[in-house]
N, C-alpha and C. Protein backbone atom coordinates (compact mmCIF):
# COMPACT_ATOMS: atom_id res chain seq x y z
N UNK A 1 -33.35 16.55 -9.62
CA UNK A 1 -32.05 16.66 -10.25
C UNK A 1 -31.00 15.83 -9.48
N UNK A 2 -31.04 15.92 -8.16
CA UNK A 2 -30.10 15.16 -7.34
C UNK A 2 -30.27 13.67 -7.56
N UNK A 3 -31.52 13.22 -7.69
CA UNK A 3 -31.80 11.80 -7.93
C UNK A 3 -31.23 11.36 -9.27
N UNK A 4 -31.31 12.21 -10.29
CA UNK A 4 -30.78 11.89 -11.61
C UNK A 4 -29.26 11.74 -11.57
N UNK A 5 -28.60 12.67 -10.88
CA UNK A 5 -27.14 12.61 -10.77
C UNK A 5 -26.72 11.37 -9.98
N UNK A 6 -27.41 11.08 -8.90
CA UNK A 6 -27.11 9.90 -8.09
C UNK A 6 -27.27 8.63 -8.91
N UNK A 7 -28.34 8.54 -9.69
CA UNK A 7 -28.58 7.37 -10.55
C UNK A 7 -27.48 7.23 -11.58
N UNK A 8 -27.08 8.34 -12.19
CA UNK A 8 -26.01 8.30 -13.19
C UNK A 8 -24.70 7.85 -12.58
N UNK A 9 -24.37 8.37 -11.38
CA UNK A 9 -23.14 7.95 -10.70
C UNK A 9 -23.15 6.48 -10.34
N UNK A 10 -24.28 6.00 -9.86
CA UNK A 10 -24.39 4.58 -9.52
C UNK A 10 -24.23 3.70 -10.76
N UNK A 11 -24.81 4.13 -11.87
CA UNK A 11 -24.68 3.36 -13.12
C UNK A 11 -23.24 3.31 -13.57
N UNK A 12 -22.55 4.44 -13.53
CA UNK A 12 -21.13 4.47 -13.92
C UNK A 12 -20.29 3.63 -12.98
N UNK A 13 -20.56 3.70 -11.70
CA UNK A 13 -19.82 2.91 -10.72
C UNK A 13 -20.01 1.43 -10.97
N UNK A 14 -21.22 1.01 -11.30
CA UNK A 14 -21.48 -0.40 -11.60
C UNK A 14 -20.68 -0.87 -12.80
N UNK A 15 -20.62 -0.04 -13.83
CA UNK A 15 -19.86 -0.41 -15.02
C UNK A 15 -18.38 -0.54 -14.67
N UNK A 16 -17.84 0.42 -13.91
CA UNK A 16 -16.43 0.37 -13.53
C UNK A 16 -16.12 -0.87 -12.70
N UNK A 17 -16.99 -1.22 -11.76
CA UNK A 17 -16.75 -2.41 -10.94
C UNK A 17 -16.81 -3.67 -11.79
N UNK A 18 -17.74 -3.71 -12.76
CA UNK A 18 -17.83 -4.89 -13.62
C UNK A 18 -16.53 -5.07 -14.41
N UNK A 19 -16.01 -3.96 -14.94
CA UNK A 19 -14.77 -4.05 -15.70
C UNK A 19 -13.61 -4.42 -14.78
N UNK A 20 -13.57 -3.84 -13.60
CA UNK A 20 -12.52 -4.17 -12.66
C UNK A 20 -12.57 -5.65 -12.28
N UNK A 21 -13.77 -6.17 -12.06
CA UNK A 21 -13.92 -7.59 -11.74
C UNK A 21 -13.43 -8.47 -12.87
N UNK A 22 -13.75 -8.09 -14.08
CA UNK A 22 -13.30 -8.84 -15.26
C UNK A 22 -11.78 -8.79 -15.36
N UNK A 23 -11.23 -7.60 -15.21
CA UNK A 23 -9.78 -7.46 -15.29
C UNK A 23 -9.09 -8.26 -14.19
N UNK A 24 -9.65 -8.27 -13.00
CA UNK A 24 -9.09 -9.07 -11.91
C UNK A 24 -9.11 -10.55 -12.26
N UNK A 25 -10.21 -11.01 -12.83
CA UNK A 25 -10.33 -12.43 -13.20
C UNK A 25 -9.30 -12.79 -14.27
N UNK A 26 -9.11 -11.91 -15.23
CA UNK A 26 -8.14 -12.17 -16.30
C UNK A 26 -6.72 -12.15 -15.74
N UNK A 27 -6.41 -11.18 -14.89
CA UNK A 27 -5.08 -11.12 -14.26
C UNK A 27 -4.84 -12.38 -13.42
N UNK A 28 -5.88 -12.86 -12.77
CA UNK A 28 -5.76 -14.08 -11.98
C UNK A 28 -5.40 -15.27 -12.88
N UNK A 29 -6.04 -15.35 -14.05
CA UNK A 29 -5.74 -16.44 -14.98
C UNK A 29 -4.30 -16.33 -15.50
N UNK A 30 -3.86 -15.10 -15.80
CA UNK A 30 -2.47 -14.92 -16.24
C UNK A 30 -1.51 -15.32 -15.13
N UNK A 31 -1.85 -14.98 -13.90
CA UNK A 31 -1.03 -15.39 -12.76
C UNK A 31 -1.00 -16.90 -12.59
N UNK A 32 -2.13 -17.54 -12.83
CA UNK A 32 -2.23 -19.00 -12.75
C UNK A 32 -1.31 -19.65 -13.79
N UNK A 33 -1.30 -19.07 -14.99
CA UNK A 33 -0.46 -19.59 -16.05
C UNK A 33 1.01 -19.47 -15.65
N UNK A 34 1.41 -18.31 -15.12
CA UNK A 34 2.80 -18.11 -14.70
C UNK A 34 3.16 -19.03 -13.52
N UNK A 35 2.22 -19.23 -12.61
CA UNK A 35 2.45 -20.14 -11.50
C UNK A 35 2.71 -21.56 -12.01
N UNK A 36 1.95 -21.96 -13.03
CA UNK A 36 2.17 -23.27 -13.64
C UNK A 36 3.57 -23.39 -14.23
N UNK A 37 4.03 -22.30 -14.87
CA UNK A 37 5.38 -22.31 -15.45
C UNK A 37 6.43 -22.39 -14.34
N UNK A 38 6.29 -21.54 -13.34
CA UNK A 38 7.26 -21.52 -12.25
C UNK A 38 7.36 -22.86 -11.53
N UNK A 39 6.21 -23.52 -11.35
CA UNK A 39 6.18 -24.80 -10.64
C UNK A 39 6.31 -26.00 -11.56
N UNK A 40 6.52 -25.74 -12.83
CA UNK A 40 6.61 -26.79 -13.85
C UNK A 40 5.39 -27.71 -13.78
N UNK A 41 4.24 -27.10 -13.58
CA UNK A 41 2.98 -27.84 -13.53
C UNK A 41 2.21 -27.61 -14.82
N UNK A 42 2.30 -28.59 -15.70
CA UNK A 42 1.61 -28.45 -16.98
C UNK A 42 0.10 -28.36 -16.77
N UNK A 43 -0.45 -29.09 -15.81
CA UNK A 43 -1.89 -29.05 -15.55
C UNK A 43 -2.34 -27.64 -15.17
N UNK A 44 -1.57 -26.98 -14.31
CA UNK A 44 -1.90 -25.61 -13.91
C UNK A 44 -1.76 -24.66 -15.08
N UNK A 45 -0.66 -24.78 -15.80
CA UNK A 45 -0.41 -23.92 -16.96
C UNK A 45 -1.51 -24.06 -18.00
N UNK A 46 -1.82 -25.27 -18.37
CA UNK A 46 -2.76 -25.50 -19.48
C UNK A 46 -4.21 -25.25 -19.09
N UNK A 47 -4.50 -25.11 -17.81
CA UNK A 47 -5.88 -24.93 -17.36
C UNK A 47 -6.48 -23.61 -17.82
N UNK A 48 -5.66 -22.66 -18.26
CA UNK A 48 -6.17 -21.36 -18.68
C UNK A 48 -6.50 -21.30 -20.17
N UNK A 49 -6.22 -22.39 -20.89
CA UNK A 49 -6.44 -22.42 -22.34
C UNK A 49 -7.68 -23.23 -22.69
N UNK A 50 -8.37 -22.82 -23.77
CA UNK A 50 -9.45 -23.65 -24.29
C UNK A 50 -8.82 -24.87 -24.96
N UNK A 51 -9.62 -25.89 -25.18
CA UNK A 51 -9.10 -27.12 -25.81
C UNK A 51 -8.66 -26.87 -27.24
N UNK A 52 -9.24 -25.86 -27.89
CA UNK A 52 -8.93 -25.59 -29.30
C UNK A 52 -8.17 -24.28 -29.47
N UNK A 53 -7.37 -23.90 -28.46
CA UNK A 53 -6.61 -22.65 -28.52
C UNK A 53 -5.76 -22.60 -29.79
N UNK A 54 -5.67 -21.44 -30.39
CA UNK A 54 -4.82 -21.20 -31.56
C UNK A 54 -3.56 -20.52 -31.04
N UNK A 55 -2.39 -21.10 -31.35
CA UNK A 55 -1.12 -20.60 -30.82
C UNK A 55 -0.17 -20.28 -31.97
N UNK A 56 0.34 -19.05 -31.94
CA UNK A 56 1.36 -18.63 -32.89
C UNK A 56 2.65 -18.41 -32.12
N UNK A 57 3.74 -19.02 -32.58
CA UNK A 57 5.04 -18.85 -31.95
C UNK A 57 5.83 -17.74 -32.61
N UNK A 58 7.12 -17.66 -32.28
CA UNK A 58 7.96 -16.57 -32.79
C UNK A 58 8.52 -16.82 -34.19
N UNK A 59 8.55 -18.07 -34.64
CA UNK A 59 9.13 -18.39 -35.94
C UNK A 59 8.04 -18.46 -37.02
N UNK A 60 8.38 -18.13 -38.27
CA UNK A 60 7.37 -18.18 -39.34
C UNK A 60 6.69 -19.55 -39.47
N UNK A 61 7.42 -20.63 -39.19
CA UNK A 61 6.84 -21.96 -39.29
C UNK A 61 5.90 -22.30 -38.14
N UNK A 62 5.82 -21.43 -37.17
CA UNK A 62 4.97 -21.66 -36.01
C UNK A 62 3.68 -20.85 -36.13
N UNK A 63 3.10 -20.86 -37.31
CA UNK A 63 1.92 -20.04 -37.56
C UNK A 63 0.85 -20.83 -38.29
N UNK A 64 -0.15 -21.30 -37.63
CA UNK A 64 -0.21 -21.53 -36.19
C UNK A 64 0.26 -22.94 -35.86
N UNK A 65 0.59 -23.13 -34.61
CA UNK A 65 0.88 -24.47 -34.09
C UNK A 65 -0.40 -25.28 -34.10
N UNK A 66 -0.30 -26.55 -34.32
CA UNK A 66 -1.44 -27.44 -34.06
C UNK A 66 -1.54 -27.52 -32.54
N UNK A 67 -2.73 -27.36 -32.01
CA UNK A 67 -2.93 -27.21 -30.57
C UNK A 67 -2.27 -28.32 -29.77
N UNK A 68 -2.49 -29.54 -30.13
CA UNK A 68 -1.92 -30.67 -29.38
C UNK A 68 -0.40 -30.63 -29.42
N UNK A 69 0.17 -30.31 -30.58
CA UNK A 69 1.63 -30.25 -30.70
C UNK A 69 2.20 -29.13 -29.83
N UNK A 70 1.54 -28.00 -29.80
CA UNK A 70 2.00 -26.87 -28.98
C UNK A 70 1.97 -27.24 -27.51
N UNK A 71 0.91 -27.87 -27.09
CA UNK A 71 0.80 -28.24 -25.67
C UNK A 71 1.81 -29.33 -25.30
N UNK A 72 2.06 -30.26 -26.20
CA UNK A 72 3.07 -31.29 -25.93
C UNK A 72 4.47 -30.67 -25.87
N UNK A 73 4.71 -29.67 -26.70
CA UNK A 73 5.99 -28.95 -26.67
C UNK A 73 6.19 -28.30 -25.31
N UNK A 74 5.17 -27.62 -24.79
CA UNK A 74 5.26 -26.99 -23.48
C UNK A 74 5.43 -28.03 -22.38
N UNK A 75 4.69 -29.11 -22.47
CA UNK A 75 4.79 -30.17 -21.47
C UNK A 75 6.21 -30.73 -21.45
N UNK A 76 6.80 -30.90 -22.62
CA UNK A 76 8.18 -31.38 -22.71
C UNK A 76 9.17 -30.43 -22.06
N UNK A 77 8.95 -29.12 -22.24
CA UNK A 77 9.82 -28.14 -21.59
C UNK A 77 9.74 -28.25 -20.07
N UNK A 78 8.53 -28.42 -19.56
CA UNK A 78 8.35 -28.52 -18.11
C UNK A 78 9.04 -29.76 -17.55
N UNK A 79 9.15 -30.80 -18.35
CA UNK A 79 9.77 -32.04 -17.90
C UNK A 79 11.30 -32.00 -18.00
N UNK A 80 11.85 -30.95 -18.63
CA UNK A 80 13.29 -30.80 -18.74
C UNK A 80 13.83 -30.32 -17.39
N UNK A 81 14.76 -31.08 -16.78
CA UNK A 81 15.22 -30.75 -15.42
C UNK A 81 15.77 -29.33 -15.26
N UNK A 82 16.51 -28.83 -16.25
CA UNK A 82 17.13 -27.51 -16.10
C UNK A 82 16.30 -26.38 -16.70
N UNK A 83 15.04 -26.64 -17.01
CA UNK A 83 14.17 -25.60 -17.58
C UNK A 83 13.88 -24.53 -16.54
N UNK A 84 14.21 -23.30 -16.88
CA UNK A 84 13.83 -22.16 -16.05
C UNK A 84 13.25 -21.10 -16.96
N UNK A 85 12.31 -20.38 -16.45
CA UNK A 85 11.65 -19.34 -17.23
C UNK A 85 11.50 -18.10 -16.37
N UNK A 86 11.97 -17.01 -16.91
CA UNK A 86 11.76 -15.73 -16.24
C UNK A 86 11.10 -14.78 -17.22
N UNK A 87 10.27 -13.93 -16.69
CA UNK A 87 9.51 -12.99 -17.51
C UNK A 87 9.46 -11.67 -16.76
N UNK A 88 10.00 -10.65 -17.37
CA UNK A 88 9.97 -9.31 -16.78
C UNK A 88 8.93 -8.50 -17.54
N UNK A 89 7.76 -8.39 -16.98
CA UNK A 89 6.66 -7.67 -17.60
C UNK A 89 6.94 -6.18 -17.56
N UNK A 90 6.86 -5.55 -18.72
CA UNK A 90 7.08 -4.10 -18.82
C UNK A 90 5.78 -3.33 -19.01
N UNK A 91 4.82 -3.96 -19.67
CA UNK A 91 3.57 -3.27 -19.97
C UNK A 91 2.46 -4.28 -20.24
N UNK A 92 1.26 -3.95 -19.77
CA UNK A 92 0.11 -4.82 -20.03
C UNK A 92 -1.13 -3.95 -20.26
N UNK A 93 -1.86 -4.25 -21.32
CA UNK A 93 -3.16 -3.64 -21.59
C UNK A 93 -4.20 -4.75 -21.57
N UNK A 94 -5.30 -4.50 -20.89
CA UNK A 94 -6.44 -5.41 -20.90
C UNK A 94 -7.61 -4.63 -21.47
N UNK A 95 -8.13 -5.11 -22.59
CA UNK A 95 -9.23 -4.43 -23.27
C UNK A 95 -10.43 -5.37 -23.25
N UNK A 96 -11.41 -5.03 -22.43
CA UNK A 96 -12.61 -5.85 -22.32
C UNK A 96 -13.60 -5.34 -23.36
N UNK A 97 -14.07 -6.25 -24.20
CA UNK A 97 -15.00 -5.87 -25.26
C UNK A 97 -16.40 -5.65 -24.72
N UNK A 98 -17.18 -4.83 -25.43
CA UNK A 98 -18.56 -4.60 -25.00
C UNK A 98 -19.30 -5.93 -24.83
N UNK A 99 -20.12 -6.00 -23.81
CA UNK A 99 -20.83 -7.24 -23.51
C UNK A 99 -20.10 -8.11 -22.50
N UNK A 100 -18.83 -7.77 -22.22
CA UNK A 100 -18.08 -8.46 -21.18
C UNK A 100 -17.94 -9.97 -21.43
N UNK A 101 -17.86 -10.38 -22.70
CA UNK A 101 -17.73 -11.81 -23.02
C UNK A 101 -16.37 -12.17 -23.59
N UNK A 102 -15.64 -11.18 -24.10
CA UNK A 102 -14.30 -11.41 -24.64
C UNK A 102 -13.39 -10.28 -24.20
N UNK A 103 -12.09 -10.55 -24.22
CA UNK A 103 -11.11 -9.53 -23.86
C UNK A 103 -9.81 -9.79 -24.62
N UNK A 104 -9.12 -8.72 -24.88
CA UNK A 104 -7.82 -8.78 -25.52
C UNK A 104 -6.79 -8.32 -24.50
N UNK A 105 -5.71 -9.09 -24.37
CA UNK A 105 -4.62 -8.71 -23.47
C UNK A 105 -3.36 -8.62 -24.31
N UNK A 106 -2.65 -7.51 -24.17
CA UNK A 106 -1.38 -7.31 -24.86
C UNK A 106 -0.33 -7.02 -23.80
N UNK A 107 0.72 -7.83 -23.80
CA UNK A 107 1.81 -7.66 -22.85
C UNK A 107 3.12 -7.46 -23.61
N UNK A 108 4.01 -6.70 -22.99
CA UNK A 108 5.36 -6.57 -23.50
C UNK A 108 6.32 -6.78 -22.35
N UNK A 109 7.41 -7.48 -22.64
CA UNK A 109 8.40 -7.72 -21.61
C UNK A 109 9.54 -8.58 -22.12
N UNK A 110 10.41 -8.94 -21.20
CA UNK A 110 11.58 -9.75 -21.52
C UNK A 110 11.35 -11.19 -21.08
N UNK A 111 11.56 -12.13 -21.99
CA UNK A 111 11.45 -13.57 -21.74
C UNK A 111 12.85 -14.16 -21.87
N UNK A 112 13.34 -14.82 -20.85
CA UNK A 112 14.70 -15.34 -20.92
C UNK A 112 14.89 -16.33 -22.08
N UNK A 113 13.85 -17.00 -22.51
CA UNK A 113 13.99 -17.96 -23.60
C UNK A 113 14.22 -17.28 -24.95
N UNK A 114 13.92 -15.99 -25.03
CA UNK A 114 14.07 -15.26 -26.30
C UNK A 114 15.28 -14.34 -26.29
N UNK A 115 16.01 -14.30 -25.21
CA UNK A 115 17.19 -13.45 -25.11
C UNK A 115 16.98 -12.32 -24.12
N UNK A 116 18.05 -11.94 -23.47
CA UNK A 116 17.94 -10.94 -22.40
C UNK A 116 17.81 -9.51 -22.91
N UNK A 117 18.11 -9.29 -24.18
CA UNK A 117 18.10 -7.93 -24.71
C UNK A 117 16.95 -7.66 -25.67
N UNK A 118 16.08 -8.62 -25.84
CA UNK A 118 15.02 -8.52 -26.84
C UNK A 118 13.65 -8.63 -26.17
N UNK A 119 12.84 -7.60 -26.33
CA UNK A 119 11.48 -7.68 -25.79
C UNK A 119 10.59 -8.51 -26.72
N UNK A 120 9.55 -9.03 -26.12
CA UNK A 120 8.54 -9.76 -26.88
C UNK A 120 7.18 -9.15 -26.59
N UNK A 121 6.28 -9.29 -27.53
CA UNK A 121 4.90 -8.88 -27.33
C UNK A 121 4.04 -10.15 -27.38
N UNK A 122 3.23 -10.32 -26.36
CA UNK A 122 2.33 -11.46 -26.29
C UNK A 122 0.90 -10.93 -26.38
N UNK A 123 0.12 -11.55 -27.25
CA UNK A 123 -1.28 -11.18 -27.41
C UNK A 123 -2.13 -12.39 -27.04
N UNK A 124 -3.06 -12.17 -26.12
CA UNK A 124 -4.00 -13.20 -25.69
C UNK A 124 -5.41 -12.74 -26.05
N UNK A 125 -6.22 -13.66 -26.48
CA UNK A 125 -7.66 -13.38 -26.61
C UNK A 125 -8.35 -14.29 -25.61
N UNK A 126 -9.05 -13.68 -24.68
CA UNK A 126 -9.79 -14.40 -23.66
C UNK A 126 -11.27 -14.44 -24.02
N UNK A 127 -11.90 -15.56 -23.72
CA UNK A 127 -13.36 -15.67 -23.84
C UNK A 127 -13.92 -16.09 -22.49
N UNK A 128 -15.11 -15.63 -22.24
CA UNK A 128 -15.77 -15.98 -20.97
C UNK A 128 -16.60 -17.23 -21.23
N UNK A 129 -16.20 -18.34 -20.63
CA UNK A 129 -16.89 -19.63 -20.78
C UNK A 129 -17.36 -20.09 -19.41
N UNK A 130 -18.66 -20.27 -19.27
CA UNK A 130 -19.18 -20.68 -17.97
C UNK A 130 -18.90 -19.59 -16.96
N UNK A 131 -18.12 -19.92 -15.94
CA UNK A 131 -17.79 -18.92 -14.92
C UNK A 131 -16.30 -18.55 -14.92
N UNK A 132 -15.60 -18.86 -16.02
CA UNK A 132 -14.17 -18.53 -16.05
C UNK A 132 -13.75 -17.92 -17.38
N UNK A 133 -12.64 -17.24 -17.35
CA UNK A 133 -12.03 -16.65 -18.53
C UNK A 133 -10.92 -17.58 -19.03
N UNK A 134 -10.97 -17.93 -20.32
CA UNK A 134 -9.99 -18.85 -20.91
C UNK A 134 -9.38 -18.23 -22.16
N UNK A 135 -8.14 -18.60 -22.43
CA UNK A 135 -7.42 -18.13 -23.61
C UNK A 135 -7.76 -19.03 -24.79
N UNK A 136 -8.27 -18.42 -25.88
CA UNK A 136 -8.51 -19.22 -27.10
C UNK A 136 -7.61 -18.77 -28.24
N UNK A 137 -6.76 -17.78 -27.99
CA UNK A 137 -5.77 -17.33 -28.99
C UNK A 137 -4.57 -16.80 -28.23
N UNK A 138 -3.36 -17.21 -28.67
CA UNK A 138 -2.11 -16.78 -28.05
C UNK A 138 -1.09 -16.58 -29.16
N UNK A 139 -0.44 -15.42 -29.14
CA UNK A 139 0.60 -15.15 -30.13
C UNK A 139 1.75 -14.44 -29.44
N UNK A 140 2.97 -14.86 -29.74
CA UNK A 140 4.16 -14.22 -29.19
C UNK A 140 5.07 -13.82 -30.34
N UNK A 141 5.59 -12.59 -30.28
CA UNK A 141 6.47 -12.09 -31.33
C UNK A 141 7.56 -11.24 -30.71
N UNK A 142 8.73 -11.32 -31.28
CA UNK A 142 9.83 -10.48 -30.83
C UNK A 142 9.61 -9.08 -31.41
N UNK A 143 9.88 -8.06 -30.60
CA UNK A 143 9.66 -6.68 -31.05
C UNK A 143 10.93 -5.86 -30.87
N UNK A 144 11.77 -5.83 -31.89
CA UNK A 144 13.00 -5.04 -31.78
C UNK A 144 12.68 -3.54 -31.81
N UNK A 145 13.62 -2.77 -31.30
CA UNK A 145 13.52 -1.32 -31.41
C UNK A 145 13.63 -0.94 -32.90
N UNK A 146 12.89 0.07 -33.31
CA UNK A 146 12.94 0.50 -34.71
C UNK A 146 14.36 0.87 -35.14
N UNK A 147 15.13 1.46 -34.23
CA UNK A 147 16.50 1.86 -34.54
C UNK A 147 17.39 0.65 -34.83
N UNK A 148 17.01 -0.53 -34.40
CA UNK A 148 17.81 -1.74 -34.60
C UNK A 148 17.43 -2.53 -35.85
N UNK A 149 16.37 -2.14 -36.54
CA UNK A 149 15.88 -2.93 -37.67
C UNK A 149 16.90 -3.08 -38.79
N UNK A 150 17.61 -2.04 -39.16
CA UNK A 150 18.60 -2.13 -40.24
C UNK A 150 19.73 -3.09 -39.85
N UNK A 151 20.19 -3.02 -38.59
CA UNK A 151 21.25 -3.92 -38.12
C UNK A 151 20.77 -5.37 -38.13
N UNK A 152 19.56 -5.60 -37.71
CA UNK A 152 19.01 -6.96 -37.70
C UNK A 152 18.88 -7.48 -39.13
N UNK A 153 18.38 -6.65 -40.03
CA UNK A 153 18.24 -7.06 -41.42
C UNK A 153 19.60 -7.41 -42.02
N UNK A 154 20.63 -6.65 -41.69
CA UNK A 154 21.99 -6.91 -42.18
C UNK A 154 22.49 -8.26 -41.65
N UNK A 155 22.23 -8.55 -40.38
CA UNK A 155 22.64 -9.84 -39.80
C UNK A 155 21.96 -11.02 -40.48
N UNK A 156 20.77 -10.81 -40.99
CA UNK A 156 20.01 -11.89 -41.60
C UNK A 156 20.27 -12.08 -43.10
N UNK A 157 21.14 -11.26 -43.68
CA UNK A 157 21.46 -11.41 -45.09
C UNK A 157 22.05 -12.79 -45.34
N UNK A 158 21.67 -13.38 -46.46
CA UNK A 158 22.17 -14.72 -46.81
C UNK A 158 23.26 -14.65 -47.82
């Protein structure tokens, strides 16, 4: 009986460590992306994306961006002398799918480019390619408080 319990505990521990390792690798990639933004290094920033990443922006016309156009847009921002980016992360979920080959990351926080009073939700889909985790889907959307929806709708009346 003791051997059975020990085997079960070891199996559970192995699964937890595998998930923790995956989550660490994904967090590292997200950190790499932010480091690229902070240092205005497009090469560092773009290294976390697949070549055919699908990107959705905040505006209806940005659904989806053509990959090359999206990357050129980001590169142009980095080349702007007064470009600064701040991100106050409020919440992050990392959901590793069975098989440990894909993961979904959902973040919420404040992005200075979208306004200081408006949170955004960013959704990343990571795939495990070779020995690294890369983003093949990225979507960012503004998420107003439900109590503010009527006021926002009124502001948008034409």
